[in-house]
C-alpha atoms as a PDB file:
ATOM      1  CA  MET A   1     -11.758  -2.677   3.092  1.00  0.00           C
ATOM      2  CA  ALA A   2      -8.039  -2.616   2.387  1.00  0.00           C
ATOM      3  CA  THR A   3      -4.645  -4.188   3.157  1.00  0.00           C
ATOM      4  CA  VAL A   4      -2.639  -1.582   5.203  1.00  0.00           C
ATOM      5  CA  LEU A   5       0.976  -1.625   6.147  1.00  0.00           C
ATOM      6  CA  VAL A   6       2.191   0.137   9.290  1.00  0.00           C
ATOM      7  CA  THR A   7       5.793   0.418  10.200  1.00  0.00           C
ATOM      8  CA  GLY A   8       6.897   1.287  13.784  1.00  0.00           C
ATOM      9  CA  ALA A   9       3.906  -0.474  15.352  1.00  0.00           C
ATOM     10  CA  ASN A  10       5.514  -1.318  18.624  1.00  0.00           C
ATOM     11  CA  ARG A  11       4.079   1.567  20.590  1.00  0.00           C
ATOM     12  CA  GLY A  12       2.355   5.097  20.623  1.00  0.00           C
ATOM     13  CA  ILE A  13       1.011   6.262  17.365  1.00  0.00           C
ATOM     14  CA  GLY A  14       1.945   3.157  15.463  1.00  0.00           C
ATOM     15  CA  LEU A  15       0.256   0.762  17.982  1.00  0.00           C
ATOM     16  CA  GLU A  16      -2.917   2.946  17.924  1.00  0.00           C
ATOM     17  CA  PHE A  17      -2.933   2.848  14.026  1.00  0.00           C
ATOM     18  CA  VAL A  18      -3.066  -0.883  14.245  1.00  0.00           C
ATOM     19  CA  ARG A  19      -5.601  -0.835  16.999  1.00  0.00           C
ATOM     20  CA  GLN A  20      -8.121   1.238  14.903  1.00  0.00           C
ATOM     21  CA  LEU A  21      -7.202  -0.392  11.531  1.00  0.00           C
ATOM     22  CA  LEU A  22      -8.196  -3.752  12.878  1.00  0.00           C
ATOM     23  CA  GLY A  23     -11.774  -2.955  13.011  1.00  0.00           C
ATOM     24  CA  SER A  24     -11.841  -1.591   9.545  1.00  0.00           C
ATOM     25  CA  SER A  25      -9.398  -3.311   7.100  1.00  0.00           C
ATOM     26  CA  ASP A  26      -9.265  -6.664   5.536  1.00  0.00           C
ATOM     27  CA  ARG A  27      -5.673  -6.968   6.371  1.00  0.00           C
ATOM     28  CA  VAL A  28      -3.252  -5.350   8.844  1.00  0.00           C
ATOM     29  CA  ILE A  29       0.581  -5.808   8.477  1.00  0.00           C
ATOM     30  CA  ALA A  30       2.390  -4.349  11.350  1.00  0.00           C
ATOM     31  CA  THR A  31       6.170  -4.222  11.753  1.00  0.00           C
ATOM     32  CA  CYS A  32       8.765  -3.469  14.496  1.00  0.00           C
ATOM     33  CA  ARG A  33      12.397  -3.993  15.103  1.00  0.00           C
ATOM     34  CA  ASN A  34      12.227  -6.026  18.355  1.00  0.00           C
ATOM     35  CA  PHE A  35       9.006  -8.099  19.019  1.00  0.00           C
ATOM     36  CA  ALA A  36      10.283  -9.347  22.462  1.00  0.00           C
ATOM     37  CA  ALA A  37      10.136  -5.733  23.569  1.00  0.00           C
ATOM     38  CA  ALA A  38       6.787  -5.094  21.786  1.00  0.00           C
ATOM     39  CA  THR A  39       4.179  -6.573  24.697  1.00  0.00           C
ATOM     40  CA  ASP A  40       1.377  -4.420  23.663  1.00  0.00           C
ATOM     41  CA  LEU A  41       1.658  -5.443  20.149  1.00  0.00           C
ATOM     42  CA  GLN A  42       1.757  -9.082  20.852  1.00  0.00           C
ATOM     43  CA  THR A  43      -1.487  -8.807  22.800  1.00  0.00           C
ATOM     44  CA  LEU A  44      -3.212  -7.450  19.954  1.00  0.00           C
ATOM     45  CA  LYS A  45      -1.939 -10.214  17.932  1.00  0.00           C
ATOM     46  CA  PHE A  46      -3.213 -12.761  20.516  1.00  0.00           C
ATOM     47  CA  GLU A  47      -6.512 -11.137  20.555  1.00  0.00           C
ATOM     48  CA  ASN A  48      -6.540 -10.657  16.650  1.00  0.00           C
ATOM     49  CA  PRO A  49      -5.142 -13.645  15.013  1.00  0.00           C
ATOM     50  CA  GLY A  50      -5.264 -12.194  11.614  1.00  0.00           C
ATOM     51  CA  LEU A  51      -3.004  -9.306  12.492  1.00  0.00           C
ATOM     52  CA  GLU A  52       0.351  -9.999  10.583  1.00  0.00           C
ATOM     53  CA  LEU A  53       3.559  -9.094  12.513  1.00  0.00           C
ATOM     54  CA  LEU A  54       6.792  -8.795  10.521  1.00  0.00           C
ATOM     55  CA  GLN A  55      10.197  -7.759  11.726  1.00  0.00           C
ATOM     56  CA  LEU A  56      11.661  -4.799  10.110  1.00  0.00           C
ATOM     57  CA  ASP A  57      14.752  -2.805  11.185  1.00  0.00           C
ATOM     58  CA  VAL A  58      14.890   0.333   9.074  1.00  0.00           C
ATOM     59  CA  THR A  59      18.547   1.172   9.768  1.00  0.00           C
ATOM     60  CA  SER A  60      19.505  -2.111   7.973  1.00  0.00           C
ATOM     61  CA  ASN A  61      19.510  -2.433   4.224  1.00  0.00           C
ATOM     62  CA  GLU A  62      19.681  -6.377   4.537  1.00  0.00           C
ATOM     63  CA  SER A  63      16.463  -6.087   6.823  1.00  0.00           C
ATOM     64  CA  ILE A  64      14.484  -4.053   4.366  1.00  0.00           C
ATOM     65  CA  ASP A  65      15.275  -6.414   1.497  1.00  0.00           C
ATOM     66  CA  GLN A  66      14.430  -9.367   3.719  1.00  0.00           C
ATOM     67  CA  PHE A  67      11.159  -7.748   4.746  1.00  0.00           C
ATOM     68  CA  ALA A  68      10.309  -7.122   1.086  1.00  0.00           C
ATOM     69  CA  THR A  69      10.850 -10.887   0.455  1.00  0.00           C
ATOM     70  CA  SER A  70       8.653 -11.793   3.474  1.00  0.00           C
ATOM     71  CA  LEU A  71       5.647  -9.982   1.831  1.00  0.00           C
ATOM     72  CA  GLN A  72       5.787 -12.475  -1.149  1.00  0.00           C
ATOM     73  CA  GLY A  73       4.300  -9.991  -3.539  1.00  0.00           C
ATOM     74  CA  ALA A  74       1.181  -9.127  -1.508  1.00  0.00           C
ATOM     75  CA  ALA A  75      -0.720  -6.199  -2.805  1.00  0.00           C
ATOM     76  CA  ILE A  76      -0.832  -3.350  -0.266  1.00  0.00           C
ATOM     77  CA  ASP A  77      -3.438  -0.617  -0.642  1.00  0.00           C
ATOM     78  CA  ILE A  78      -2.304   1.724   2.012  1.00  0.00           C
ATOM     79  CA  PHE A  79       1.333   2.374   3.381  1.00  0.00           C
ATOM     80  CA  ILE A  80       1.714   4.209   6.583  1.00  0.00           C
ATOM     81  CA  ASN A  81       5.393   4.954   7.299  1.00  0.00           C
ATOM     82  CA  ASN A  82       5.143   5.640  10.981  1.00  0.00           C
ATOM     83  CA  ALA A  83       8.743   4.493  11.901  1.00  0.00           C
ATOM     84  CA  GLY A  84      10.656   7.462  13.231  1.00  0.00           C
ATOM     85  CA  VAL A  85      13.001   8.535  16.002  1.00  0.00           C
ATOM     86  CA  TYR A  86      13.539  12.074  17.739  1.00  0.00           C
ATOM     87  CA  GLY A  87      17.350  11.594  18.404  1.00  0.00           C
ATOM     88  CA  PRO A  88      19.428  13.516  20.838  1.00  0.00           C
ATOM     89  CA  GLY A  89      17.279  15.828  22.939  1.00  0.00           C
ATOM     90  CA  ASP A  90      20.226  18.313  23.252  1.00  0.00           C
ATOM     91  CA  ALA A  91      20.676  18.881  19.780  1.00  0.00           C
ATOM     92  CA  HIS A  92      21.151  22.763  20.137  1.00  0.00           C
ATOM     93  CA  PHE A  93      23.747  24.853  18.443  1.00  0.00           C
ATOM     94  CA  GLY A  94      27.226  23.880  19.299  1.00  0.00           C
ATOM     95  CA  ASN A  95      26.141  20.390  20.389  1.00  0.00           C
ATOM     96  CA  VAL A  96      25.312  18.572  17.396  1.00  0.00           C
ATOM     97  CA  THR A  97      27.326  15.484  16.173  1.00  0.00           C
ATOM     98  CA  GLY A  98      27.607  14.092  12.710  1.00  0.00           C
ATOM     99  CA  GLU A  99      27.037  10.466  13.955  1.00  0.00           C
ATOM    100  CA  SER A 100      23.844  11.406  15.865  1.00  0.00           C
ATOM    101  CA  TRP A 101      22.427  13.310  12.932  1.00  0.00           C
ATOM    102  CA  ALA A 102      23.420  10.591  10.280  1.00  0.00           C
ATOM    103  CA  THR A 103      21.426   8.131  12.355  1.00  0.00           C
ATOM    104  CA  VAL A 104      18.416  10.114  12.643  1.00  0.00           C
ATOM    105  CA  MET A 105      18.435  11.099   9.004  1.00  0.00           C
ATOM    106  CA  ARG A 106      18.586   7.434   7.979  1.00  0.00           C
ATOM    107  CA  VAL A 107      15.436   6.506  10.070  1.00  0.00           C
ATOM    108  CA  ASN A 108      13.390   9.502   9.430  1.00  0.00           C
ATOM    109  CA  ALA A 109      14.240  10.481   5.954  1.00  0.00           C
ATOM    110  CA  ILE A 110      16.317   7.905   3.999  1.00  0.00           C
ATOM    111  CA  ALA A 111      14.580   4.601   5.095  1.00  0.00           C
ATOM    112  CA  PRO A 112      11.026   5.799   4.052  1.00  0.00           C
ATOM    113  CA  LEU A 113      12.359   6.241   0.355  1.00  0.00           C
ATOM    114  CA  LEU A 114      14.159   3.067   0.476  1.00  0.00           C
ATOM    115  CA  LEU A 115      11.152   1.264   1.734  1.00  0.00           C
ATOM    116  CA  THR A 116       8.951   2.820  -0.998  1.00  0.00           C
ATOM    117  CA  GLN A 117      11.277   1.853  -3.722  1.00  0.00           C
ATOM    118  CA  VAL A 118      11.712  -1.866  -2.728  1.00  0.00           C
ATOM    119  CA  LEU A 119       7.835  -2.244  -2.034  1.00  0.00           C
ATOM    120  CA  ILE A 120       6.825  -0.457  -5.085  1.00  0.00           C
ATOM    121  CA  ASP A 121       5.543  -3.561  -6.914  1.00  0.00           C
ATOM    122  CA  ASN A 122       3.311  -4.329  -3.671  1.00  0.00           C
ATOM    123  CA  PHE A 123       2.013  -0.880  -3.779  1.00  0.00           C
ATOM    124  CA  SER A 124       1.143  -1.081  -7.693  1.00  0.00           C
ATOM    125  CA  ARG A 125      -0.690  -4.157  -7.094  1.00  0.00           C
ATOM    126  CA  GLY A 126      -3.044  -2.395  -4.529  1.00  0.00           C
ATOM    127  CA  GLU A 127      -6.186  -0.462  -5.280  1.00  0.00           C
ATOM    128  CA  GLY A 128      -5.850   2.124  -2.687  1.00  0.00           C
ATOM    129  CA  LYS A 129      -2.522   3.454  -3.990  1.00  0.00           C
ATOM    130  CA  LYS A 130      -2.130   5.799  -0.937  1.00  0.00           C
ATOM    131  CA  LEU A 131       1.427   6.356   0.513  1.00  0.00           C
ATOM    132  CA  VAL A 132       1.464   8.248   3.875  1.00  0.00           C
ATOM    133  CA  TYR A 133       4.467   9.431   5.850  1.00  0.00           C
ATOM    134  CA  ILE A 134       4.222  10.574   9.415  1.00  0.00           C
ATOM    135  CA  THR A 135       6.165  13.725   9.689  1.00  0.00           C
ATOM    136  CA  SER A 136       6.215  16.672  12.173  1.00  0.00           C
ATOM    137  CA  LYS A 137       5.246  20.200  12.318  1.00  0.00           C
ATOM    138  CA  MET A 138       8.815  20.654  13.398  1.00  0.00           C
ATOM    139  CA  GLY A 139       9.919  19.907   9.939  1.00  0.00           C
ATOM    140  CA  SER A 140       8.016  23.112   8.703  1.00  0.00           C
ATOM    141  CA  ILE A 141      10.616  25.857   7.803  1.00  0.00           C
ATOM    142  CA  LYS A 142       7.925  28.553   7.852  1.00  0.00           C
ATOM    143  CA  ASP A 143       6.793  27.424  11.260  1.00  0.00           C
ATOM    144  CA  ASN A 144      10.203  27.379  12.974  1.00  0.00           C
ATOM    145  CA  GLN A 145      10.181  30.273  15.325  1.00  0.00           C
ATOM    146  CA  GLY A 146      12.049  28.512  18.069  1.00  0.00           C
ATOM    147  CA  GLY A 147      15.332  27.321  16.514  1.00  0.00           C
ATOM    148  CA  GLY A 148      17.223  24.503  17.949  1.00  0.00           C
ATOM    149  CA  SER A 149      16.322  20.850  17.501  1.00  0.00           C
ATOM    150  CA  TYR A 150      18.702  20.704  14.542  1.00  0.00           C
ATOM    151  CA  VAL A 151      18.571  16.988  14.129  1.00  0.00           C
ATOM    152  CA  TYR A 152      14.929  16.329  14.319  1.00  0.00           C
ATOM    153  CA  ARG A 153      13.725  19.355  12.417  1.00  0.00           C
ATOM    154  CA  SER A 154      16.093  18.828   9.544  1.00  0.00           C
ATOM    155  CA  SER A 155      15.281  15.073   9.221  1.00  0.00           C
ATOM    156  CA  LYS A 156      11.575  15.797   9.080  1.00  0.00           C
ATOM    157  CA  SER A 157      12.188  18.624   6.514  1.00  0.00           C
ATOM    158  CA  ALA A 158      14.133  16.159   4.405  1.00  0.00           C
ATOM    159  CA  LEU A 159      11.214  13.608   4.795  1.00  0.00           C
ATOM    160  CA  ASN A 160       8.891  16.183   3.542  1.00  0.00           C
ATOM    161  CA  ALA A 161      11.098  16.940   0.557  1.00  0.00           C
ATOM    162  CA  VAL A 162      11.356  13.250  -0.239  1.00  0.00           C
ATOM    163  CA  VAL A 163       7.700  12.580  -0.146  1.00  0.00           C
ATOM    164  CA  LYS A 164       6.873  15.747  -2.348  1.00  0.00           C
ATOM    165  CA  SER A 165       9.023  14.189  -5.092  1.00  0.00           C
ATOM    166  CA  ILE A 166       7.334  10.819  -4.516  1.00  0.00           C
ATOM    167  CA  ALA A 167       3.785  12.435  -5.059  1.00  0.00           C
ATOM    168  CA  VAL A 168       5.179  14.118  -8.263  1.00  0.00           C
ATOM    169  CA  ASP A 169       6.928  11.012  -9.409  1.00  0.00           C
ATOM    170  CA  LEU A 170       4.549   8.636  -8.753  1.00  0.00           C
ATOM    171  CA  GLY A 171       1.455  10.634  -9.380  1.00  0.00           C
ATOM    172  CA  ARG A 172       1.434   9.824 -13.156  1.00  0.00           C
ATOM    173  CA  GLU A 173       0.770   6.190 -11.872  1.00  0.00           C
ATOM    174  CA  GLY A 174      -2.366   6.936  -9.810  1.00  0.00           C
ATOM    175  CA  PHE A 175      -0.528   7.153  -6.675  1.00  0.00           C
ATOM    176  CA  SER A 176      -1.397   9.640  -3.811  1.00  0.00           C
ATOM    177  CA  ALA A 177       1.218  10.644  -1.373  1.00  0.00           C
ATOM    178  CA  ALA A 178       1.253  12.834   1.546  1.00  0.00           C
ATOM    179  CA  VAL A 179       2.984  13.813   4.930  1.00  0.00           C
ATOM    180  CA  LEU A 180       0.917  14.016   8.139  1.00  0.00           C
ATOM    181  CA  HIS A 181       1.725  15.587  11.410  1.00  0.00           C
ATOM    182  CA  PRO A 182       0.101  13.796  14.259  1.00  0.00           C
ATOM    183  CA  GLY A 183      -0.073  16.825  16.480  1.00  0.00           C
ATOM    184  CA  TRP A 184       1.492  16.988  19.806  1.00  0.00           C
ATOM    185  CA  VAL A 185       0.763  13.590  21.208  1.00  0.00           C
ATOM    186  CA  GLN A 186       0.862  11.934  24.530  1.00  0.00           C
ATOM    187  CA  THR A 187       3.477   9.170  23.664  1.00  0.00           C
ATOM    188  CA  ASP A 188       6.994   8.544  25.044  1.00  0.00           C
ATOM    189  CA  MET A 189       8.385  11.022  22.660  1.00  0.00           C
ATOM    190  CA  GLY A 190       5.584  13.647  22.904  1.00  0.00           C
ATOM    191  CA  GLY A 191       5.574  13.414  26.815  1.00  0.00           C
ATOM    192  CA  ALA A 192       2.924  13.505  29.402  1.00  0.00           C
ATOM    193  CA  ASN A 193       2.064  17.299  28.686  1.00  0.00           C
ATOM    194  CA  ALA A 194       1.354  16.807  25.002  1.00  0.00           C
ATOM    195  CA  LEU A 195      -2.071  18.170  24.131  1.00  0.00           C
ATOM    196  CA  ILE A 196      -3.940  15.263  22.534  1.00  0.00           C
ATOM    197  CA  ASP A 197      -4.017  11.319  23.110  1.00  0.00           C
ATOM    198  CA  THR A 198      -3.255   8.812  20.554  1.00  0.00           C
ATOM    199  CA  GLN A 199      -6.767   8.009  20.029  1.00  0.00           C
ATOM    200  CA  THR A 200      -7.595  11.460  18.758  1.00  0.00           C
ATOM    201  CA  SER A 201      -4.669  11.746  16.722  1.00  0.00           C
ATOM    202  CA  VAL A 202      -4.905   8.598  14.853  1.00  0.00           C
ATOM    203  CA  SER A 203      -8.780   8.758  14.256  1.00  0.00           C
ATOM    204  CA  GLY A 204      -7.928  12.176  12.775  1.00  0.00           C
ATOM    205  CA  MET A 205      -5.206  11.124  10.379  1.00  0.00           C
ATOM    206  CA  LEU A 206      -7.218   8.045   9.334  1.00  0.00           C
ATOM    207  CA  SER A 207      -9.880  10.437   8.300  1.00  0.00           C
ATOM    208  CA  VAL A 208      -7.200  12.343   6.216  1.00  0.00           C
ATOM    209  CA  ILE A 209      -5.968   9.259   4.705  1.00  0.00           C
ATOM    210  CA  ASP A 210      -9.635   8.333   3.718  1.00  0.00           C
ATOM    211  CA  ASN A 211      -9.884  11.689   2.164  1.00  0.00           C
ATOM    212  CA  LEU A 212      -6.469  11.529   0.290  1.00  0.00           C
ATOM    213  CA  ASP A 213      -6.565  11.288  -3.393  1.00  0.00           C
ATOM    214  CA  THR A 214      -4.906  12.575  -6.455  1.00  0.00           C
ATOM    215  CA  SER A 215      -6.395  16.106  -6.007  1.00  0.00           C
ATOM    216  CA  ASN A 216      -4.515  16.664  -2.817  1.00  0.00           C
ATOM    217  CA  THR A 217      -1.627  14.497  -3.195  1.00  0.00           C
ATOM    218  CA  GLY A 218       1.902  16.100  -1.975  1.00  0.00           C
ATOM    219  CA  SER A 219       0.062  17.989   0.826  1.00  0.00           C
ATOM    220  CA  PHE A 220       1.465  18.622   4.387  1.00  0.00           C
ATOM    221  CA  PHE A 221      -1.608  17.858   6.534  1.00  0.00           C
ATOM    222  CA  ASN A 222      -2.202  18.293  10.138  1.00  0.00           C
ATOM    223  CA  TYR A 223      -4.071  15.433  11.851  1.00  0.00           C
ATOM    224  CA  ASP A 224      -7.336  17.431  11.676  1.00  0.00           C
ATOM    225  CA  GLY A 225      -7.001  17.787   7.859  1.00  0.00           C
ATOM    226  CA  THR A 226      -5.675  21.535   8.042  1.00  0.00           C
ATOM    227  CA  ILE A 227      -2.773  22.265   5.690  1.00  0.00           C
ATOM    228  CA  ILE A 228       0.615  23.132   7.276  1.00  0.00           C
ATOM    229  CA  PRO A 229       2.880  25.460   5.307  1.00  0.00           C
ATOM    230  CA  TRP A 230       6.245  23.988   4.109  1.00  0.00           C
END
């Protein structure tokens, strides 16, 4: 049993993480930016009074700092950084703008490190010391045979580089860190034609998290536990 923090829990993969974790964790802390629009998450809260909901806008330094304060020094065993955005769908060559790129980089690559830094005392107090960041196979440079998607691809490649350094820097303190590709999932981002549902994706990733330790820290995992090339 553990205390687990899940960001971006208002829908899709994040919401499913919360659903599945509620049955196996002592304490689940879920975040999203706008609870008024997170009706499914509110329903889970009604059905599970022990679920803790905290507001967090990862685009705001002030919100990140306030969130850290609201945790009141709580020990967190497992951190699942799920919050992320795709950005503009037409980010092909000749159509990329600096503004949209910067926004996506902030959410997908910068905020995860800022959160890890500001919450390191909470993670250090936990027994699990597992730091997990949801990435995408589209962030794999070796796997890129299709081109395009400059904004999303680069943001996830950047996240992968960030987490690899986290794994190295915090490994000496007993932490395990990894990036997980959830698969092509039937969500608002993945679309109706995606290959797997959220239940399959999340149950697979939770199994990977269970088996994450200092021997495989710094890895790029598929949801089924196989390794994806950088």
